Amino acid sequence: MGRKMRRFARVAVICCVCGLCSVMYTFTQIIMSLEPKSRLEGHDKIAKQLKRDASLLVPSIPKVETMEGLEQEQRWLQSRFETNKTDVKRSPDKWIHLAVVACGERFEETVTMLKSSILFNVKPIQFHIFADDELHPKFKNILNSWPFQQKFHYILYPITFPSENAAEWKKLFKPCASQRLFLPLVLKDVDALLYVDTDILFLRPVDDIWSFFKYFNSTQIAAMAPEHEEPRIGWYNRFARHPYYGSTGVNSGVMLMNMTRIRRKYFKNDMTTARLQWGEMLMPLLKKYKFNITWGDQDLLNIVFYHNPESLFVFPCQWNYRPDHCIYGSNCKESEEEGIFILHGNRGVYHDNKQPAFRAVYEAIHNYTFGDDHFHALLYPLKKELRETTHTYCGKLYKIFLKQLKKSIEGIPPNQTQRR
């Protein structure tokens, strides 16, 4: 009897344990069946929140159906987020940043360029002037004497090159011209910049070329004009011994630079399989091509954008109009229709008689005094001088030198100019 009771007790204990295990298993299954649903609901909430947040930054996403389209979408989304971050950084800064490098005998030419930049500008301009030390007092005396001080500020910098090979950089092509290559590394707090050569003259507000920044796509870091419009007279496609951008190369005399993107980008190159940042690339580039380049830093920029063509925005020729556009007959069609916007007197044409039309524009702006009537002290005397240049190919087109200038003067607020 005792033995039977012990067996019964054992069976009862085993049954209780099995029953308890069964209840626990059933409860666990119920919990597990509910958990994925709660997780999915949580993910849905997060996804909806992300979608709402993204809609604040990305108004609309292009519809894509191919792998190439997906890559474009990814770049587009990235550009929108980058643009918004940049806008937040730039929004308090209402200034246009303009840089120039002046060495040797370029003082008067530089001052005339600076004068032309504030004749018609709307936004104030921050000048970044890199110059020989002996020129700094002269710049201060001139710039401090100008009226309209609210239209510009200026900062003077010494010529600055890396200690290694500094002499070689300084003598590349024109004295100090290669300084522009190091601007992203020197002006670390500047987000966007317009670099111009000293022989540039603005015939319309600087604000207008500055506005090209808003047309950059997510991959573009800089903007320049073609070196030539007509391949038959192009230099790069006939004589260059190095890679160059596009079919005729680009001219770097007028160059918009998204400095933030330049500093961040890793560039494709033909020196190593690894991509290099801007500061890492410059010296190896010079060492490889220094015996093959003719136009110094401009050639190096052409090499860079040959390997990174997606990074360059190209603007039309009337934004960088040079003697090559008219010396053999007109080959900048845009200027014939709209006039010249920015004049580039390269090859010293402001200071000799080879292209008198260019020299006439330079002297008119150089001789103009702030406060004088723009029509009688600038436009009308220039028109008279240009009519004396019709014996040259460029002079025959003298009206394109006046068309935009007249519009710019007419657009000046009445309190700054009056017709007599």
Protein backbone atom coordinates (compact mmCIF):
# COMPACT_ATOMS: atom_id res chain seq x y z
CA MET A 1 0.00 0.00 0.00
CA GLY A 2 2.79 2.42 0.91
CA ARG A 3 4.59 1.56 -2.28
CA LYS A 4 1.49 2.38 -4.39
CA MET A 5 1.07 5.71 -2.64
CA ARG A 6 4.65 6.69 -3.38
CA ARG A 7 4.16 5.86 -7.08
CA PHE A 8 0.97 7.89 -7.17
CA ALA A 9 2.73 10.85 -5.60
CA ARG A 10 5.56 10.69 -8.12
CA VAL A 11 3.09 10.56 -11.02
CA ALA A 12 1.19 13.51 -9.56
CA VAL A 13 4.37 15.57 -9.22
CA ILE A 14 5.41 14.74 -12.78
CA CYS A 15 1.96 15.71 -14.08
CA CYS A 16 2.07 19.01 -12.19
CA VAL A 17 5.51 19.82 -13.57
CA CYS A 18 4.42 18.94 -17.11
CA GLY A 19 1.28 21.01 -16.71
CA LEU A 20 3.26 23.97 -15.46
CA CYS A 21 5.72 23.66 -18.35
CA SER A 22 2.84 23.50 -20.81
CA VAL A 23 1.27 26.65 -19.35
CA MET A 24 4.61 28.48 -19.48
CA TYR A 25 5.20 27.39 -23.11
CA THR A 26 1.73 28.54 -24.15
CA PHE A 27 2.23 31.90 -22.43
CA THR A 28 5.62 32.34 -24.12
CA GLN A 29 4.13 31.66 -27.54
CA ILE A 30 1.43 34.22 -26.95
CA ILE A 31 4.02 36.86 -25.95
CA MET A 32 6.20 36.07 -28.98
CA SER A 33 3.23 36.28 -31.31
CA LEU A 34 2.43 39.75 -30.01
CA GLU A 35 6.00 41.12 -29.97
CA PRO A 36 6.63 41.38 -33.75
CA LYS A 37 3.43 43.33 -34.14
CA SER A 38 4.46 45.80 -31.47
CA ARG A 39 7.90 46.11 -33.07
CA LEU A 40 6.39 46.70 -36.48
CA GLU A 41 4.09 49.31 -35.04
CA GLY A 42 7.12 50.96 -33.46
CA HIS A 43 9.03 50.90 -36.75
CA ASP A 44 6.02 52.33 -38.54
CA LYS A 45 5.88 55.20 -36.10
CA ILE A 46 9.61 55.90 -36.57
CA ALA A 47 9.30 55.62 -40.35
CA LYS A 48 6.39 58.04 -40.39
CA GLN A 49 8.30 60.47 -38.20
CA LEU A 50 11.36 60.25 -40.45
CA LYS A 51 9.19 60.81 -43.49
CA ARG A 52 7.69 63.91 -41.88
CA ASP A 53 11.16 65.20 -40.92
CA ALA A 54 12.51 64.54 -44.41
CA SER A 55 9.59 66.34 -46.00
CA LEU A 56 10.69 69.48 -44.18
CA LEU A 57 14.08 69.31 -45.89
CA VAL A 58 13.23 67.57 -49.17
CA PRO A 59 10.21 69.09 -50.92
CA SER A 60 9.93 66.41 -53.59
CA ILE A 61 11.97 63.37 -54.57
CA PRO A 62 12.48 62.65 -58.28
CA LYS A 63 10.82 59.45 -59.49
CA VAL A 64 13.42 56.88 -60.55
CA GLU A 65 13.13 53.51 -62.21
CA THR A 66 16.70 52.46 -63.04
CA MET A 67 19.92 51.81 -61.14
CA GLU A 68 21.36 54.99 -62.61
CA GLY A 69 18.24 56.78 -61.45
CA LEU A 70 18.66 55.39 -57.94
CA GLU A 71 22.21 56.72 -57.85
CA GLN A 72 20.95 60.09 -59.04
CA GLU A 73 18.27 60.02 -56.35
CA GLN A 74 20.87 59.28 -53.71
CA ARG A 75 23.04 62.16 -54.91
CA TRP A 76 19.98 64.41 -55.11
CA LEU A 77 18.93 63.59 -51.54
CA GLN A 78 22.48 64.16 -50.32
CA SER A 79 22.66 67.48 -52.13
CA ARG A 80 19.40 68.63 -50.56
CA PHE A 81 20.60 67.86 -47.05
CA GLU A 82 24.01 69.43 -47.78
CA THR A 83 22.35 72.49 -49.25
CA ASN A 84 20.17 72.99 -46.21
CA LYS A 85 23.14 72.66 -43.88
CA THR A 86 25.08 75.14 -46.00
CA ASP A 87 22.14 77.54 -46.09
CA VAL A 88 21.91 77.49 -42.32
CA LYS A 89 25.60 78.36 -42.12
CA ARG A 90 25.48 80.99 -44.84
CA SER A 91 22.16 82.68 -44.08
CA PRO A 92 23.58 85.20 -41.57
CA ASP A 93 26.31 86.13 -44.07
CA LYS A 94 24.88 88.58 -46.59
CA TRP A 95 28.28 89.41 -48.05
CA ILE A 96 29.83 88.49 -51.38
CA HIS A 97 33.40 87.26 -50.90
CA LEU A 98 35.81 88.33 -53.66
CA ALA A 99 39.50 87.39 -53.72
CA VAL A 100 42.35 88.77 -55.80
CA VAL A 101 46.13 88.28 -55.79
CA ALA A 102 48.28 91.33 -56.55
CA CYS A 103 52.05 91.21 -56.93
CA GLY A 104 54.65 93.41 -58.55
CA GLU A 105 53.22 96.07 -60.84
CA ARG A 106 49.59 94.96 -60.57
CA PHE A 107 48.51 97.54 -57.98
CA GLU A 108 46.76 100.05 -60.30
CA GLU A 109 45.10 97.26 -62.26
CA THR A 110 43.81 95.67 -59.06
CA VAL A 111 42.42 98.95 -57.74
CA THR A 112 40.57 99.51 -61.02
CA MET A 113 39.07 96.01 -60.81
CA LEU A 114 37.95 96.64 -57.22
CA LYS A 115 36.43 99.97 -58.27
CA SER A 116 34.44 98.28 -61.03
CA SER A 117 33.12 95.68 -58.58
CA ILE A 118 31.42 98.25 -56.32
CA LEU A 119 30.10 100.52 -59.07
CA PHE A 120 26.94 98.42 -59.48
CA ASN A 121 26.84 95.87 -56.67
CA VAL A 122 23.75 95.43 -54.50
CA LYS A 123 25.08 93.20 -51.72
CA PRO A 124 28.16 94.44 -49.88
CA ILE A 125 31.45 92.82 -50.88
CA GLN A 126 34.17 91.44 -48.63
CA PHE A 127 37.49 91.85 -50.44
CA HIS A 128 40.22 89.30 -49.67
CA ILE A 129 43.37 90.93 -51.09
CA PHE A 130 46.56 88.87 -51.20
CA ALA A 131 49.45 91.21 -51.98
CA ASP A 132 53.15 91.85 -51.56
CA ASP A 133 53.86 93.42 -48.18
CA GLU A 134 55.02 96.70 -49.73
CA LEU A 135 51.62 97.11 -51.44
CA HIS A 136 49.57 96.89 -48.24
CA PRO A 137 49.91 100.59 -47.24
CA LYS A 138 48.97 101.69 -50.77
CA PHE A 139 45.82 99.55 -50.74
CA LYS A 140 44.84 100.95 -47.33
CA ASN A 141 45.27 104.55 -48.47
CA ILE A 142 43.16 104.09 -51.58
CA LEU A 143 40.40 101.91 -50.15
CA ASN A 144 39.99 104.04 -47.01
CA SER A 145 39.50 107.11 -49.20
CA TRP A 146 36.59 105.68 -51.18
CA PRO A 147 33.00 106.68 -50.41
CA PHE A 148 30.26 104.06 -50.03
CA GLN A 149 32.20 102.34 -47.25
CA GLN A 150 29.02 100.43 -46.43
CA LYS A 151 29.33 98.67 -49.80
CA PHE A 152 32.60 96.91 -49.03
CA HIS A 153 35.06 95.75 -46.42
CA TYR A 154 38.58 94.53 -47.06
CA ILE A 155 41.20 92.29 -45.51
CA LEU A 156 44.84 92.33 -46.62
CA TYR A 157 46.85 89.13 -46.52
CA PRO A 158 50.52 88.36 -47.18
CA ILE A 159 51.35 86.05 -50.06
CA THR A 160 51.23 82.60 -48.48
CA PHE A 161 52.59 79.36 -49.93
CA PRO A 162 53.54 76.07 -48.28
CA SER A 163 57.07 76.28 -46.92
CA GLU A 164 58.09 73.37 -49.13
CA ASN A 165 58.72 74.63 -52.68
CA ALA A 166 57.37 78.12 -51.86
CA ALA A 167 59.71 79.78 -54.39
CA GLU A 168 58.62 77.38 -57.11
CA TRP A 169 54.94 78.08 -56.47
CA LYS A 170 55.47 81.85 -56.40
CA LYS A 171 57.17 81.90 -59.80
CA LEU A 172 54.71 79.58 -61.51
CA PHE A 173 53.44 81.39 -64.64
CA LYS A 174 52.77 84.93 -63.32
CA PRO A 175 54.15 86.19 -60.00
CA CYS A 176 51.98 84.87 -57.18
CA ALA A 177 49.13 83.78 -59.48
CA SER A 178 49.18 80.24 -58.08
CA GLN A 179 48.16 81.66 -54.68
CA ARG A 180 44.57 80.99 -55.79
CA LEU A 181 45.20 77.25 -55.55
CA PHE A 182 45.72 77.60 -51.80
CA LEU A 183 42.74 79.84 -51.04
CA PRO A 184 40.57 76.96 -49.72
CA LEU A 185 43.36 76.11 -47.27
CA VAL A 186 44.07 79.71 -46.19
CA LEU A 187 40.50 81.10 -46.01
CA LYS A 188 39.23 78.26 -43.84
CA ASP A 189 36.18 80.15 -42.58
CA VAL A 190 34.95 81.24 -46.02
CA ASP A 191 32.22 79.04 -47.45
CA ALA A 192 31.98 80.50 -50.97
CA LEU A 193 34.31 82.74 -52.97
CA LEU A 194 34.63 84.54 -56.28
CA TYR A 195 38.26 84.63 -57.40
CA VAL A 196 39.27 87.01 -60.21
CA ASP A 197 42.52 88.00 -61.88
CA THR A 198 43.68 91.60 -61.50
CA ASP A 199 42.84 92.35 -65.17
CA ILE A 200 39.08 91.83 -64.68
CA LEU A 201 36.45 94.57 -65.06
CA PHE A 202 32.83 94.13 -63.96
CA LEU A 203 30.30 95.68 -66.33
CA ARG A 204 27.28 94.43 -64.38
CA PRO A 205 26.64 93.78 -60.67
CA VAL A 206 28.88 91.20 -59.03
CA ASP A 207 25.68 89.86 -57.46
CA ASP A 208 24.73 88.35 -60.82
CA ILE A 209 27.70 86.05 -61.22
CA TRP A 210 27.50 85.24 -57.50
CA SER A 211 23.97 83.95 -58.14
CA PHE A 212 25.41 81.04 -60.17
CA PHE A 213 26.11 79.29 -56.88
CA LYS A 214 22.43 78.48 -56.52
CA TYR A 215 22.53 76.58 -59.83
CA PHE A 216 25.31 74.21 -58.71
CA ASN A 217 24.20 70.61 -58.44
CA SER A 218 25.35 68.40 -55.57
CA THR A 219 28.63 67.42 -57.27
CA GLN A 220 29.82 70.83 -58.50
CA ILE A 221 32.47 72.66 -56.51
CA ALA A 222 33.62 75.42 -58.89
CA ALA A 223 32.61 77.36 -62.00
CA MET A 224 34.63 78.77 -64.91
CA ALA A 225 34.15 79.77 -68.55
CA PRO A 226 35.57 77.89 -71.56
CA GLU A 227 39.04 78.90 -72.71
CA HIS A 228 37.79 79.06 -76.31
CA GLU A 229 34.48 78.91 -78.11
CA GLU A 230 36.04 78.09 -81.47
CA PRO A 231 38.18 74.90 -81.49
CA ARG A 232 40.02 75.99 -84.65
CA ILE A 233 41.76 78.74 -82.68
CA GLY A 234 41.84 76.89 -79.35
CA TRP A 235 45.13 76.59 -77.50
CA TYR A 236 44.61 73.50 -75.35
CA ASN A 237 43.22 71.29 -78.10
CA ARG A 238 46.14 72.21 -80.41
CA PHE A 239 49.17 72.58 -78.15
CA ALA A 240 48.60 71.24 -74.61
CA ARG A 241 50.87 68.45 -73.38
CA HIS A 242 48.66 67.55 -70.47
CA PRO A 243 44.98 66.66 -69.85
CA TYR A 244 42.46 69.51 -69.95
CA TYR A 245 38.76 69.97 -69.35
CA GLY A 246 36.26 69.47 -72.18
CA SER A 247 37.07 70.18 -75.81
CA THR A 248 38.96 73.48 -75.41
CA GLY A 249 39.84 73.74 -71.71
CA VAL A 250 38.66 76.36 -69.21
CA ASN A 251 39.96 79.81 -68.27
CA SER A 252 40.50 80.46 -64.56
CA GLY A 253 40.54 84.28 -64.64
CA VAL A 254 37.01 84.32 -63.23
CA MET A 255 36.34 81.41 -60.89
CA LEU A 256 33.54 80.68 -58.45
CA MET A 257 34.65 78.37 -55.65
CA ASN A 258 32.46 76.49 -53.19
CA MET A 259 35.25 76.39 -50.62
CA THR A 260 33.49 74.04 -48.22
CA ARG A 261 32.96 71.41 -50.91
CA ILE A 262 36.52 71.80 -52.20
CA ARG A 263 37.91 71.15 -48.73
CA ARG A 264 35.70 68.08 -48.24
CA LYS A 265 36.06 66.43 -51.64
CA TYR A 266 38.35 63.53 -52.46
CA PHE A 267 39.55 63.97 -56.05
CA LYS A 268 40.19 61.38 -58.73
CA ASN A 269 43.67 61.80 -60.19
CA ASP A 270 46.30 60.09 -62.36
CA MET A 271 49.01 60.00 -59.68
CA THR A 272 47.59 57.30 -57.44
CA THR A 273 44.62 54.95 -57.35
CA ALA A 274 43.55 56.56 -54.08
CA ARG A 275 41.50 59.73 -54.16
CA LEU A 276 43.23 62.77 -52.68
CA GLN A 277 41.99 65.86 -50.92
CA TRP A 278 42.80 69.29 -52.29
CA GLY A 279 45.81 69.98 -50.09
CA GLU A 280 47.26 66.52 -50.65
CA MET A 281 47.00 66.76 -54.43
CA LEU A 282 48.62 70.09 -55.33
CA MET A 283 52.31 69.34 -54.81
CA PRO A 284 52.28 65.89 -56.50
CA LEU A 285 50.37 67.48 -59.38
CA LEU A 286 53.01 70.17 -59.86
CA LYS A 287 55.86 67.66 -59.64
CA LYS A 288 54.31 65.45 -62.30
CA TYR A 289 53.38 68.17 -64.80
CA LYS A 290 55.70 71.13 -64.15
CA PHE A 291 57.64 70.51 -67.38
CA ASN A 292 54.45 70.11 -69.42
CA ILE A 293 52.42 73.14 -68.37
CA THR A 294 52.48 76.59 -69.95
CA TRP A 295 49.80 78.60 -68.15
CA GLY A 296 50.72 77.61 -64.61
CA ASP A 297 47.90 77.18 -62.12
CA GLN A 298 45.24 77.35 -64.86
CA ASP A 299 46.77 74.27 -66.44
CA LEU A 300 46.74 72.48 -63.10
CA LEU A 301 43.05 73.32 -62.67
CA ASN A 302 42.35 71.95 -66.14
CA ILE A 303 44.07 68.70 -65.17
CA VAL A 304 42.04 68.46 -61.95
CA PHE A 305 38.71 68.95 -63.73
CA TYR A 306 39.69 66.64 -66.58
CA HIS A 307 39.67 63.85 -64.01
CA ASN A 308 36.65 65.28 -62.14
CA PRO A 309 34.41 66.77 -64.85
CA GLU A 310 31.26 66.29 -62.79
CA SER A 311 32.63 68.83 -60.31
CA LEU A 312 32.70 71.83 -62.67
CA PHE A 313 29.91 74.24 -63.57
CA VAL A 314 30.61 76.06 -66.87
CA PHE A 315 29.17 79.53 -67.45
CA PRO A 316 28.95 81.38 -70.82
CA CYS A 317 31.71 83.39 -72.43
CA GLN A 318 30.29 86.88 -71.79
CA TRP A 319 31.11 86.32 -68.10
CA ASN A 320 34.82 86.12 -69.01
CA TYR A 321 35.21 88.01 -72.29
CA ARG A 322 38.78 88.13 -73.62
CA PRO A 323 40.53 89.39 -76.77
CA ASP A 324 40.35 85.85 -78.19
CA HIS A 325 36.60 86.31 -78.48
CA CYS A 326 36.95 89.09 -81.05
CA ILE A 327 40.56 89.32 -82.27
CA TYR A 328 39.85 87.00 -85.22
CA GLY A 329 36.21 87.96 -85.56
CA SER A 330 33.36 87.48 -83.12
CA ASN A 331 33.09 84.01 -81.59
CA CYS A 332 31.13 84.70 -78.39
CA LYS A 333 27.55 84.71 -79.64
CA GLU A 334 26.08 85.36 -76.20
CA SER A 335 27.88 88.71 -75.99
CA GLU A 336 26.47 89.77 -79.36
CA GLU A 337 22.98 89.30 -77.98
CA GLU A 338 23.36 90.52 -74.40
CA GLY A 339 26.63 92.44 -74.28
CA ILE A 340 29.76 91.80 -72.23
CA PHE A 341 29.20 91.17 -68.52
CA ILE A 342 32.80 90.74 -67.31
CA LEU A 343 35.78 91.97 -69.33
CA HIS A 344 39.11 90.13 -69.04
CA GLY A 345 42.04 92.08 -70.45
CA ASN A 346 44.62 89.32 -70.45
CA ARG A 347 47.92 89.55 -72.35
CA GLY A 348 48.36 93.10 -71.07
CA VAL A 349 45.87 94.63 -73.52
CA TYR A 350 44.86 97.36 -71.04
CA HIS A 351 48.37 98.79 -71.26
CA ASP A 352 49.31 98.65 -74.95
CA ASN A 353 47.71 99.57 -78.26
CA LYS A 354 47.11 96.06 -79.59
CA GLN A 355 43.42 96.04 -78.56
CA PRO A 356 42.36 99.68 -78.10
CA ALA A 357 38.74 98.75 -77.33
CA PHE A 358 39.84 96.90 -74.19
CA ARG A 359 42.16 99.70 -73.22
CA ALA A 360 39.38 102.27 -73.65
CA VAL A 361 37.12 100.45 -71.17
CA TYR A 362 39.94 100.10 -68.65
CA GLU A 363 40.92 103.77 -68.83
CA ALA A 364 37.29 104.91 -68.58
CA ILE A 365 36.79 103.04 -65.30
CA HIS A 366 40.29 103.87 -64.04
CA ASN A 367 39.71 107.59 -64.60
CA TYR A 368 36.18 107.65 -63.21
CA THR A 369 35.79 109.40 -59.84
CA PHE A 370 33.20 108.16 -57.36
CA GLY A 371 30.34 110.61 -57.09
CA ASP A 372 30.57 111.86 -60.66
CA ASP A 373 27.64 111.35 -62.99
CA HIS A 374 27.89 107.86 -64.44
CA PHE A 375 26.55 108.88 -67.83
CA HIS A 376 28.64 111.98 -68.45
CA ALA A 377 31.79 110.87 -66.64
CA LEU A 378 31.83 107.23 -67.69
CA LEU A 379 29.40 106.01 -70.37
CA TYR A 380 29.47 108.88 -72.87
CA PRO A 381 33.27 109.42 -72.89
CA LEU A 382 33.76 105.66 -73.30
CA LYS A 383 31.34 105.54 -76.21
CA LYS A 384 33.29 108.30 -77.93
CA GLU A 385 36.61 106.47 -77.42
CA LEU A 386 35.25 103.14 -78.61
CA ARG A 387 34.09 104.67 -81.88
CA GLU A 388 37.76 105.44 -82.57
CA THR A 389 38.65 101.73 -82.42
CA THR A 390 36.57 100.43 -85.34
CA HIS A 391 39.71 99.80 -87.40
CA THR A 392 40.24 96.66 -85.26
CA TYR A 393 38.15 93.49 -85.20
CA CYS A 394 37.23 94.02 -81.53
CA GLY A 395 36.52 97.71 -82.17
CA LYS A 396 34.04 96.82 -84.89
CA LEU A 397 32.00 95.19 -82.13
CA TYR A 398 32.22 98.24 -79.84
CA LYS A 399 28.49 98.22 -79.09
CA ILE A 400 28.79 94.98 -77.11
CA PHE A 401 31.22 96.78 -74.76
CA LEU A 402 28.50 99.34 -74.01
CA LYS A 403 25.25 97.36 -74.03
CA GLN A 404 25.40 95.87 -70.52
CA LEU A 405 27.30 98.83 -69.06
CA LYS A 406 24.45 101.14 -70.05
CA LYS A 407 21.90 98.80 -68.43
CA SER A 408 23.98 98.62 -65.27
CA ILE A 409 24.19 102.41 -65.00
CA GLU A 410 20.47 102.74 -65.61
CA GLY A 411 19.93 100.29 -62.76
CA ILE A 412 21.85 102.36 -60.20
CA PRO A 413 19.53 103.92 -57.54
CA PRO A 414 18.77 107.62 -58.24
CA ASN A 415 20.61 108.74 -55.11
CA GLN A 416 23.86 107.38 -56.54
CA THR A 417 23.68 108.84 -60.08
CA GLN A 418 21.79 111.58 -61.87
CA ARG A 419 21.50 112.53 -65.47
CA ARG A 420 22.36 116.14 -66.13
